């Protein structure tokens, strides 16, 4: 996956996500999946980016 790509339609500030653009606050994916962890979401905090993958800094 090319993290140098910045999808200017998907802003993102989650820098510990594997899909975060390495130099800008955009997602490097073409599309993302948004979901919820609530039965009846009423505020933005109830939603989740289900495309999130933890960036592995020093993994082997």
Protein backbone atom coordinates (compact mmCIF):
# COMPACT_ATOMS: atom_id res chain seq x y z
CA UNK A 1 0.00 0.00 0.00
CA UNK A 2 1.34 3.40 -0.99
CA UNK A 3 1.04 5.74 2.01
CA UNK A 4 2.35 8.59 -0.13
CA UNK A 5 -1.02 8.76 -1.87
CA UNK A 6 -3.43 11.27 -0.31
CA UNK A 7 -7.13 10.84 -1.04
CA UNK A 8 -8.28 14.45 -0.71
CA UNK A 9 -11.87 13.24 -0.27
CA UNK A 10 -11.03 11.46 3.01
CA UNK A 11 -9.47 13.67 5.68
CA UNK A 12 -7.82 11.79 8.53
CA UNK A 13 -5.76 12.79 11.56
CA UNK A 14 -5.20 9.29 12.97
CA UNK A 15 -1.44 9.09 12.48
CA UNK A 16 -1.10 5.64 14.07
CA UNK A 17 -3.29 4.13 11.33
CA UNK A 18 -1.48 2.09 8.68
CA UNK A 19 -3.61 3.82 6.02
CA UNK A 20 -2.76 7.39 7.05
CA UNK A 21 -0.85 9.40 4.45
CA UNK A 22 2.71 9.70 5.65
CA UNK A 23 2.96 13.49 5.21
CA UNK A 24 -0.58 14.93 5.10
CA UNK A 25 -3.82 14.56 7.07
CA UNK A 26 -5.55 12.38 4.50
CA UNK A 27 -6.26 8.69 4.11
CA UNK A 28 -4.22 6.73 1.57
CA UNK A 29 -7.16 4.43 0.72
CA UNK A 30 -9.52 4.90 -2.23
CA UNK A 31 -12.53 4.09 -0.03
CA UNK A 32 -13.16 3.46 3.66
CA UNK A 33 -15.87 1.65 5.60
CA UNK A 34 -17.62 3.57 8.39
CA UNK A 35 -19.61 1.69 10.99
CA UNK A 36 -20.91 1.99 14.53
CA UNK A 37 -20.48 0.26 17.85
CA UNK A 38 -23.85 1.49 19.13
CA UNK A 39 -27.33 0.11 18.54
CA UNK A 40 -28.72 3.61 17.97
CA UNK A 41 -25.90 6.08 17.17
CA UNK A 42 -26.78 9.71 17.95
CA UNK A 43 -23.41 11.52 17.93
CA UNK A 44 -20.22 11.27 15.86
CA UNK A 45 -18.38 9.55 18.74
CA UNK A 46 -20.63 6.52 18.15
CA UNK A 47 -19.15 5.94 14.68
CA UNK A 48 -15.93 4.16 13.76
CA UNK A 49 -13.63 3.94 10.77
CA UNK A 50 -13.74 0.19 10.20
CA UNK A 51 -10.87 0.49 7.70
CA UNK A 52 -8.50 1.36 10.57
CA UNK A 53 -5.38 -0.81 10.82
CA UNK A 54 -2.76 -0.18 13.49
CA UNK A 55 0.52 1.06 12.05
CA UNK A 56 3.29 -1.22 13.20
CA UNK A 57 6.32 0.90 14.03
CA UNK A 58 8.91 -1.68 15.02
CA UNK A 59 7.14 -4.96 14.26
CA UNK A 60 9.07 -7.92 12.93
